[in-house]
C-alpha atoms as a PDB file:
ATOM      1  CA  MET A   1     100.927 117.632 -77.511  1.00  0.00           C
ATOM      2  CA  LYS A   2     100.028 113.981 -77.768  1.00  0.00           C
ATOM      3  CA  ALA A   3      99.829 112.344 -81.167  1.00  0.00           C
ATOM      4  CA  GLY A   4      98.975 109.243 -83.065  1.00  0.00           C
ATOM      5  CA  TYR A   5     100.501 106.134 -81.493  1.00  0.00           C
ATOM      6  CA  THR A   6      97.322 104.376 -80.428  1.00  0.00           C
ATOM      7  CA  GLU A   7      93.681 104.639 -81.414  1.00  0.00           C
ATOM      8  CA  ALA A   8      92.978 106.480 -78.174  1.00  0.00           C
ATOM      9  CA  ASP A   9      95.495 109.272 -78.823  1.00  0.00           C
ATOM     10  CA  THR A  10      94.345 112.840 -79.435  1.00  0.00           C
ATOM     11  CA  LEU A  11      96.075 115.635 -81.333  1.00  0.00           C
ATOM     12  CA  VAL A  12      95.512 119.114 -79.945  1.00  0.00           C
ATOM     13  CA  PHE A  13      96.610 122.006 -82.165  1.00  0.00           C
ATOM     14  CA  LYS A  14      99.033 124.479 -80.622  1.00  0.00           C
ATOM     15  CA  GLY A  15      97.658 127.998 -80.988  1.00  0.00           C
ATOM     16  CA  ASN A  16      94.231 126.718 -82.109  1.00  0.00           C
ATOM     17  CA  PRO A  17      92.215 125.301 -79.213  1.00  0.00           C
ATOM     18  CA  ASP A  18      89.084 125.253 -81.381  1.00  0.00           C
ATOM     19  CA  LYS A  19      90.148 122.131 -83.293  1.00  0.00           C
ATOM     20  CA  VAL A  20      91.196 118.644 -82.258  1.00  0.00           C
ATOM     21  CA  TRP A  21      91.948 115.332 -83.964  1.00  0.00           C
ATOM     22  CA  TYR A  22      91.114 111.852 -82.791  1.00  0.00           C
ATOM     23  CA  LYS A  23      89.862 108.703 -84.503  1.00  0.00           C
ATOM     24  CA  GLY A  24      86.501 109.202 -86.184  1.00  0.00           C
ATOM     25  CA  ILE A  25      86.363 113.008 -86.051  1.00  0.00           C
ATOM     26  CA  SER A  26      86.276 115.239 -89.117  1.00  0.00           C
ATOM     27  CA  LEU A  27      89.675 116.603 -90.187  1.00  0.00           C
ATOM     28  CA  ASP A  28      88.336 120.122 -89.805  1.00  0.00           C
ATOM     29  CA  ASN A  29      85.979 120.476 -86.873  1.00  0.00           C
ATOM     30  CA  TYR A  30      84.489 122.768 -84.274  1.00  0.00           C
ATOM     31  CA  TYR A  31      85.818 121.862 -80.832  1.00  0.00           C
ATOM     32  CA  GLY A  32      84.185 123.970 -78.174  1.00  0.00           C
ATOM     33  CA  PHE A  33      81.697 124.256 -75.342  1.00  0.00           C
ATOM     34  CA  GLN A  34      78.074 123.271 -75.093  1.00  0.00           C
ATOM     35  CA  THR A  35      75.863 125.943 -73.585  1.00  0.00           C
ATOM     36  CA  ASP A  36      72.870 125.954 -71.268  1.00  0.00           C
ATOM     37  CA  GLY A  37      71.390 129.398 -71.729  1.00  0.00           C
ATOM     38  CA  TYR A  38      72.516 132.484 -69.841  1.00  0.00           C
ATOM     39  CA  PHE A  39      73.070 133.476 -66.252  1.00  0.00           C
ATOM     40  CA  GLN A  40      69.967 135.476 -65.406  1.00  0.00           C
ATOM     41  CA  SER A  41      70.981 137.032 -62.083  1.00  0.00           C
ATOM     42  CA  GLN A  42      73.870 137.545 -59.699  1.00  0.00           C
ATOM     43  CA  ALA A  43      72.217 135.106 -57.294  1.00  0.00           C
ATOM     44  CA  GLU A  44      72.337 132.378 -59.957  1.00  0.00           C
ATOM     45  CA  ILE A  45      76.001 133.156 -60.609  1.00  0.00           C
ATOM     46  CA  ASP A  46      76.858 132.983 -56.904  1.00  0.00           C
ATOM     47  CA  ALA A  47      75.094 129.624 -56.607  1.00  0.00           C
ATOM     48  CA  THR A  48      77.006 128.099 -59.558  1.00  0.00           C
ATOM     49  CA  SER A  49      80.522 126.778 -59.066  1.00  0.00           C
ATOM     50  CA  ALA A  50      81.168 125.832 -62.702  1.00  0.00           C
ATOM     51  CA  LYS A  51      81.745 129.247 -64.263  1.00  0.00           C
ATOM     52  CA  PHE A  52      84.498 131.531 -65.454  1.00  0.00           C
ATOM     53  CA  PRO A  53      85.793 134.382 -63.273  1.00  0.00           C
ATOM     54  CA  ASN A  54      84.101 137.773 -63.546  1.00  0.00           C
ATOM     55  CA  THR A  55      80.879 136.279 -64.900  1.00  0.00           C
ATOM     56  CA  LEU A  56      77.979 138.742 -65.118  1.00  0.00           C
ATOM     57  CA  PRO A  57      74.239 138.374 -65.715  1.00  0.00           C
ATOM     58  CA  GLY A  58      73.677 137.826 -69.417  1.00  0.00           C
ATOM     59  CA  ASP A  59      76.887 135.831 -69.880  1.00  0.00           C
ATOM     60  CA  ILE A  60      76.816 132.375 -71.410  1.00  0.00           C
ATOM     61  CA  LYS A  61      76.341 129.424 -69.078  1.00  0.00           C
ATOM     62  CA  TYR A  62      78.688 126.652 -70.217  1.00  0.00           C
ATOM     63  CA  VAL A  63      78.036 122.965 -69.546  1.00  0.00           C
ATOM     64  CA  ASP A  64      80.385 121.297 -67.059  1.00  0.00           C
ATOM     65  CA  GLN A  65      80.823 118.042 -68.987  1.00  0.00           C
ATOM     66  CA  ASN A  66      82.825 116.137 -66.378  1.00  0.00           C
ATOM     67  CA  GLY A  67      81.032 117.544 -63.335  1.00  0.00           C
ATOM     68  CA  ASP A  68      84.182 118.727 -61.559  1.00  0.00           C
ATOM     69  CA  GLY A  69      82.780 122.196 -60.816  1.00  0.00           C
ATOM     70  CA  ILE A  70      85.288 123.886 -63.157  1.00  0.00           C
ATOM     71  CA  ILE A  71      84.893 125.124 -66.724  1.00  0.00           C
ATOM     72  CA  ASN A  72      88.086 124.514 -68.679  1.00  0.00           C
ATOM     73  CA  ASP A  73      89.367 122.774 -71.828  1.00  0.00           C
ATOM     74  CA  ALA A  74      88.347 119.398 -70.406  1.00  0.00           C
ATOM     75  CA  ASP A  75      84.733 120.464 -70.977  1.00  0.00           C
ATOM     76  CA  ARG A  76      85.149 121.058 -74.707  1.00  0.00           C
ATOM     77  CA  VAL A  77      83.342 118.647 -77.038  1.00  0.00           C
ATOM     78  CA  ASN A  78      82.980 118.075 -80.765  1.00  0.00           C
ATOM     79  CA  LEU A  79      80.359 120.533 -82.037  1.00  0.00           C
ATOM     80  CA  GLY A  80      80.372 119.230 -85.602  1.00  0.00           C
ATOM     81  CA  ASP A  81      82.183 120.220 -88.761  1.00  0.00           C
ATOM     82  CA  PRO A  82      81.892 122.894 -91.448  1.00  0.00           C
ATOM     83  CA  TYR A  83      81.486 120.549 -94.395  1.00  0.00           C
ATOM     84  CA  PRO A  84      78.220 120.357 -96.340  1.00  0.00           C
ATOM     85  CA  HIS A  85      76.613 116.989 -95.723  1.00  0.00           C
ATOM     86  CA  LEU A  86      74.433 117.509 -98.772  1.00  0.00           C
ATOM     87  CA  ASN A  87      75.165 119.205-102.100  1.00  0.00           C
ATOM     88  CA  TYR A  88      72.495 119.594-104.735  1.00  0.00           C
ATOM     89  CA  SER A  89      71.555 121.547-107.839  1.00  0.00           C
ATOM     90  CA  LEU A  90      68.492 122.065-109.993  1.00  0.00           C
ATOM     91  CA  SER A  91      68.393 123.052-113.657  1.00  0.00           C
ATOM     92  CA  LEU A  92      65.463 123.673-115.954  1.00  0.00           C
ATOM     93  CA  ASP A  93      65.149 124.630-119.625  1.00  0.00           C
ATOM     94  CA  LEU A  94      61.726 125.325-121.140  1.00  0.00           C
ATOM     95  CA  LYS A  95      60.526 126.542-124.532  1.00  0.00           C
ATOM     96  CA  TYR A  96      57.027 127.546-125.592  1.00  0.00           C
ATOM     97  CA  LYS A  97      56.496 128.920-129.067  1.00  0.00           C
ATOM     98  CA  ARG A  98      58.885 131.915-129.199  1.00  0.00           C
ATOM     99  CA  TRP A  99      59.467 132.061-125.422  1.00  0.00           C
ATOM    100  CA  ASP A 100      62.381 130.375-123.673  1.00  0.00           C
ATOM    101  CA  PHE A 101      63.224 130.026-120.003  1.00  0.00           C
ATOM    102  CA  SER A 102      66.368 128.753-118.248  1.00  0.00           C
ATOM    103  CA  PHE A 103      66.992 128.234-114.558  1.00  0.00           C
ATOM    104  CA  LEU A 104      69.957 127.019-112.489  1.00  0.00           C
ATOM    105  CA  GLY A 105      69.890 126.709-108.719  1.00  0.00           C
ATOM    106  CA  GLN A 106      72.497 125.340-106.316  1.00  0.00           C
ATOM    107  CA  GLY A 107      72.546 124.701-102.603  1.00  0.00           C
ATOM    108  CA  VAL A 108      73.962 122.832 -99.640  1.00  0.00           C
ATOM    109  CA  GLY A 109      72.273 121.236 -96.664  1.00  0.00           C
ATOM    110  CA  LYS A 110      73.237 120.154 -93.161  1.00  0.00           C
ATOM    111  CA  ARG A 111      76.130 122.540 -92.755  1.00  0.00           C
ATOM    112  CA  LYS A 112      77.293 124.432 -89.682  1.00  0.00           C
ATOM    113  CA  VAL A 113      79.041 127.786 -90.008  1.00  0.00           C
ATOM    114  CA  ARG A 114      80.742 129.571 -87.139  1.00  0.00           C
ATOM    115  CA  LEU A 115      79.783 133.185 -86.569  1.00  0.00           C
ATOM    116  CA  VAL A 116      82.777 135.219 -85.469  1.00  0.00           C
ATOM    117  CA  GLY A 117      84.140 138.754 -85.566  1.00  0.00           C
ATOM    118  CA  GLN A 118      82.045 141.193 -87.514  1.00  0.00           C
ATOM    119  CA  GLU A 119      79.147 138.788 -87.996  1.00  0.00           C
ATOM    120  CA  ALA A 120      78.976 137.731 -84.357  1.00  0.00           C
ATOM    121  CA  PHE A 121      80.272 140.226 -81.842  1.00  0.00           C
ATOM    122  CA  PRO A 122      78.736 143.663 -81.273  1.00  0.00           C
ATOM    123  CA  VAL A 123      81.814 145.903 -80.947  1.00  0.00           C
ATOM    124  CA  LEU A 124      85.613 145.871 -80.955  1.00  0.00           C
ATOM    125  CA  MET A 125      86.765 143.330 -78.382  1.00  0.00           C
ATOM    126  CA  ASP A 126      90.516 143.512 -78.739  1.00  0.00           C
ATOM    127  CA  GLY A 127      93.176 143.836 -81.399  1.00  0.00           C
ATOM    128  CA  SER A 128      93.409 140.205 -82.413  1.00  0.00           C
ATOM    129  CA  SER A 129      90.320 138.029 -82.050  1.00  0.00           C
ATOM    130  CA  ASN A 130      87.816 140.649 -83.162  1.00  0.00           C
ATOM    131  CA  SER A 131      89.524 143.551 -84.858  1.00  0.00           C
ATOM    132  CA  LEU A 132      86.508 143.891 -87.153  1.00  0.00           C
ATOM    133  CA  GLY A 133      83.738 143.918 -84.573  1.00  0.00           C
ATOM    134  CA  ALA A 134      80.756 145.964 -85.686  1.00  0.00           C
ATOM    135  CA  PRO A 135      77.470 147.046 -84.105  1.00  0.00           C
ATOM    136  CA  ARG A 136      74.764 145.110 -85.917  1.00  0.00           C
ATOM    137  CA  THR A 137      71.085 145.856 -85.501  1.00  0.00           C
ATOM    138  CA  TYR A 138      70.388 142.125 -85.578  1.00  0.00           C
ATOM    139  CA  TYR A 139      72.640 141.558 -82.564  1.00  0.00           C
ATOM    140  CA  ALA A 140      71.345 144.563 -80.628  1.00  0.00           C
ATOM    141  CA  ASP A 141      67.735 143.529 -81.153  1.00  0.00           C
ATOM    142  CA  ASN A 142      68.448 139.943 -80.071  1.00  0.00           C
ATOM    143  CA  SER A 143      70.941 140.391 -77.217  1.00  0.00           C
ATOM    144  CA  TRP A 144      70.305 139.485 -73.596  1.00  0.00           C
ATOM    145  CA  SER A 145      68.743 141.953 -71.183  1.00  0.00           C
ATOM    146  CA  PRO A 146      66.549 141.528 -68.105  1.00  0.00           C
ATOM    147  CA  GLU A 147      63.602 142.266 -70.401  1.00  0.00           C
ATOM    148  CA  ASN A 148      64.806 139.765 -73.012  1.00  0.00           C
ATOM    149  CA  PRO A 149      66.113 136.806 -70.961  1.00  0.00           C
ATOM    150  CA  ASN A 150      65.666 134.153 -73.693  1.00  0.00           C
ATOM    151  CA  SER A 151      67.601 136.029 -76.347  1.00  0.00           C
ATOM    152  CA  ARG A 152      69.585 134.652 -79.259  1.00  0.00           C
ATOM    153  CA  PHE A 153      72.827 136.321 -78.141  1.00  0.00           C
ATOM    154  CA  PRO A 154      74.457 137.142 -74.781  1.00  0.00           C
ATOM    155  CA  ARG A 155      74.616 140.618 -73.305  1.00  0.00           C
ATOM    156  CA  LEU A 156      76.375 143.455 -75.073  1.00  0.00           C
ATOM    157  CA  TRP A 157      79.958 143.838 -73.898  1.00  0.00           C
ATOM    158  CA  LEU A 158      83.152 145.826 -74.219  1.00  0.00           C
ATOM    159  CA  GLY A 159      86.663 144.386 -73.956  1.00  0.00           C
ATOM    160  CA  ASN A 160      87.650 140.745 -73.592  1.00  0.00           C
ATOM    161  CA  THR A 161      84.963 138.266 -72.615  1.00  0.00           C
ATOM    162  CA  THR A 162      84.490 134.535 -72.197  1.00  0.00           C
ATOM    163  CA  ASN A 163      81.314 134.865 -74.280  1.00  0.00           C
ATOM    164  CA  ALA A 164      83.489 134.823 -77.398  1.00  0.00           C
ATOM    165  CA  TYR A 165      84.790 131.296 -76.771  1.00  0.00           C
ATOM    166  CA  LEU A 166      83.777 128.798 -79.418  1.00  0.00           C
ATOM    167  CA  SER A 167      80.516 127.199 -78.385  1.00  0.00           C
ATOM    168  CA  ASP A 168      77.344 125.857 -79.945  1.00  0.00           C
ATOM    169  CA  LEU A 169      75.811 129.304 -79.446  1.00  0.00           C
ATOM    170  CA  TRP A 170      77.984 130.653 -82.277  1.00  0.00           C
ATOM    171  CA  MET A 171      76.993 127.880 -84.672  1.00  0.00           C
ATOM    172  CA  SER A 172      74.618 129.013 -87.389  1.00  0.00           C
ATOM    173  CA  ASN A 173      72.672 126.991 -89.925  1.00  0.00           C
ATOM    174  CA  GLY A 174      74.744 127.313 -93.104  1.00  0.00           C
ATOM    175  CA  ALA A 175      72.289 125.528 -95.391  1.00  0.00           C
ATOM    176  CA  TYR A 176      71.064 127.553 -98.351  1.00  0.00           C
ATOM    177  CA  PHE A 177      69.573 127.434-101.820  1.00  0.00           C
ATOM    178  CA  ARG A 178      70.626 130.099-104.303  1.00  0.00           C
ATOM    179  CA  VAL A 179      69.246 130.935-107.735  1.00  0.00           C
ATOM    180  CA  LYS A 180      72.509 131.113-109.654  1.00  0.00           C
ATOM    181  CA  MET A 181      71.011 131.931-113.048  1.00  0.00           C
ATOM    182  CA  LEU A 182      67.549 132.880-114.242  1.00  0.00           C
ATOM    183  CA  GLN A 183      66.923 133.848-117.851  1.00  0.00           C
ATOM    184  CA  ILE A 184      63.800 134.516-119.897  1.00  0.00           C
ATOM    185  CA  GLY A 185      63.818 135.402-123.568  1.00  0.00           C
ATOM    186  CA  TYR A 186      61.604 136.035-126.577  1.00  0.00           C
ATOM    187  CA  THR A 187      62.588 135.542-130.201  1.00  0.00           C
ATOM    188  CA  PHE A 188      61.253 137.753-132.988  1.00  0.00           C
ATOM    189  CA  PRO A 189      61.395 135.985-136.406  1.00  0.00           C
ATOM    190  CA  MET A 190      62.509 137.573-139.678  1.00  0.00           C
ATOM    191  CA  VAL A 191      63.325 141.153-138.780  1.00  0.00           C
ATOM    192  CA  GLY A 192      63.826 142.634-142.223  1.00  0.00           C
ATOM    193  CA  LYS A 193      65.535 140.868-145.116  1.00  0.00           C
ATOM    194  CA  ALA A 194      69.010 140.529-143.587  1.00  0.00           C
ATOM    195  CA  ILE A 195      68.159 139.343-140.079  1.00  0.00           C
ATOM    196  CA  LYS A 196      66.787 135.853-139.544  1.00  0.00           C
ATOM    197  CA  ASN A 197      65.665 136.492-135.963  1.00  0.00           C
ATOM    198  CA  VAL A 198      66.272 138.670-132.936  1.00  0.00           C
ATOM    199  CA  ARG A 199      66.238 137.319-129.397  1.00  0.00           C
ATOM    200  CA  LEU A 200      65.583 139.705-126.513  1.00  0.00           C
ATOM    201  CA  TYR A 201      66.332 138.336-123.067  1.00  0.00           C
ATOM    202  CA  PHE A 202      66.576 139.232-119.397  1.00  0.00           C
ATOM    203  CA  ASN A 203      69.207 137.545-117.222  1.00  0.00           C
ATOM    204  CA  ALA A 204      69.659 137.458-113.441  1.00  0.00           C
ATOM    205  CA  GLN A 205      72.606 135.909-111.567  1.00  0.00           C
ATOM    206  CA  ASP A 206      72.682 135.203-107.820  1.00  0.00           C
ATOM    207  CA  ALA A 207      69.386 137.040-107.595  1.00  0.00           C
ATOM    208  CA  PHE A 208      67.660 135.076-104.828  1.00  0.00           C
ATOM    209  CA  THR A 209      69.001 133.225-101.799  1.00  0.00           C
ATOM    210  CA  PHE A 210      66.903 131.168 -99.391  1.00  0.00           C
ATOM    211  CA  THR A 211      68.635 130.509 -96.083  1.00  0.00           C
ATOM    212  CA  LYS A 212      68.363 130.753 -92.304  1.00  0.00           C
ATOM    213  CA  TYR A 213      72.026 131.676 -92.020  1.00  0.00           C
ATOM    214  CA  GLU A 214      72.498 134.685 -89.736  1.00  0.00           C
ATOM    215  CA  GLY A 215      75.608 136.095 -91.366  1.00  0.00           C
ATOM    216  CA  LEU A 216      76.126 137.978 -94.603  1.00  0.00           C
ATOM    217  CA  GLU A 217      77.113 135.255 -97.069  1.00  0.00           C
ATOM    218  CA  PRO A 218      76.172 131.569 -96.732  1.00  0.00           C
ATOM    219  CA  GLU A 219      78.213 130.513 -99.777  1.00  0.00           C
ATOM    220  CA  ILE A 220      81.428 130.430 -97.765  1.00  0.00           C
ATOM    221  CA  GLY A 221      84.480 128.573 -99.030  1.00  0.00           C
ATOM    222  CA  TRP A 222      88.065 128.027 -98.027  1.00  0.00           C
ATOM    223  CA  ASP A 223      89.843 131.351 -97.745  1.00  0.00           C
ATOM    224  CA  GLY A 224      92.797 130.863 -95.434  1.00  0.00           C
ATOM    225  CA  SER A 225      92.461 131.860 -91.787  1.00  0.00           C
ATOM    226  CA  THR A 226      88.765 132.733 -92.075  1.00  0.00           C
ATOM    227  CA  ARG A 227      87.697 129.551 -93.849  1.00  0.00           C
ATOM    228  CA  ASN A 228      84.217 128.303 -93.059  1.00  0.00           C
ATOM    229  CA  ARG A 229      83.523 131.296 -90.849  1.00  0.00           C
ATOM    230  CA  GLY A 230      81.155 134.193 -91.128  1.00  0.00           C
ATOM    231  CA  ASN A 231      83.551 137.036 -90.416  1.00  0.00           C
ATOM    232  CA  GLY A 232      82.199 139.997 -92.357  1.00  0.00           C
ATOM    233  CA  GLY A 233      83.162 138.928 -95.864  1.00  0.00           C
ATOM    234  CA  TYR A 234      81.406 140.978 -98.516  1.00  0.00           C
ATOM    235  CA  PRO A 235      78.344 139.069 -99.766  1.00  0.00           C
ATOM    236  CA  ARG A 236      77.964 137.912-103.335  1.00  0.00           C
ATOM    237  CA  MET A 237      76.233 140.581-105.393  1.00  0.00           C
ATOM    238  CA  ALA A 238      73.188 139.967-107.594  1.00  0.00           C
ATOM    239  CA  THR A 239      73.643 140.897-111.252  1.00  0.00           C
ATOM    240  CA  TYR A 240      70.863 141.809-113.671  1.00  0.00           C
ATOM    241  CA  SER A 241      71.234 142.357-117.418  1.00  0.00           C
ATOM    242  CA  LEU A 242      69.251 142.820-120.605  1.00  0.00           C
ATOM    243  CA  GLY A 243      70.537 141.383-123.860  1.00  0.00           C
ATOM    244  CA  LEU A 244      69.847 141.378-127.544  1.00  0.00           C
ATOM    245  CA  ARG A 245      71.100 138.753-129.987  1.00  0.00           C
ATOM    246  CA  ALA A 246      70.559 138.811-133.708  1.00  0.00           C
ATOM    247  CA  THR A 247      71.090 136.033-136.254  1.00  0.00           C
ATOM    248  CA  ILE A 248      72.107 137.415-139.645  1.00  0.00           C
ATOM    249  CA  LEU A 249      71.240 135.587-142.836  1.00  0.00           C
END
């Protein structure tokens, strides 16, 4: 470990190679490999010196940043940070005669989220880094094969693999816009002698989400060891309700 005596010093976290500190970098960051597609054949693997042992066709091709013919921690770079670089909301309240309408939307922009575990890897890898691996149709349909060489994900695998290392391939667009509340109502005047009015309304919460995020839940917060990661957390549920409110004289 080397820490903080000059501006050029770097702090590397013991037990967490996926984060680093140096002047100018975000406090929480993604520190990993850049990628250059996939190895398409054994001949390409044999002709490439900068690779991990036991590489197979369909494995990730990592960029050799310093050109020394070896892929190791010296080739890791800053891949960005998990913080939203834009937060915004939109609210609207309208009334027309006896109708009323309310809307609240909230979103974030320019955010990177790391896919890992159940939202990234196809099956159980080992007992620690992916104990919740799950076969997802999305992964299977977009994994590498000789017939699908330009796929979104590497080949399907079993056991430990270098494909699971943090890299830009596992970064997903975490920007989203979510309709947090949507309500429409109608008010009936003078219902009988004792009731001034009756309002009937329909309410929806978290009903619609617009995002390109590939995981289950883009509204990810800080939750301990899985913070800012898509790791199979149960998504926020939409809620719909009907209501009736009466004003008594």
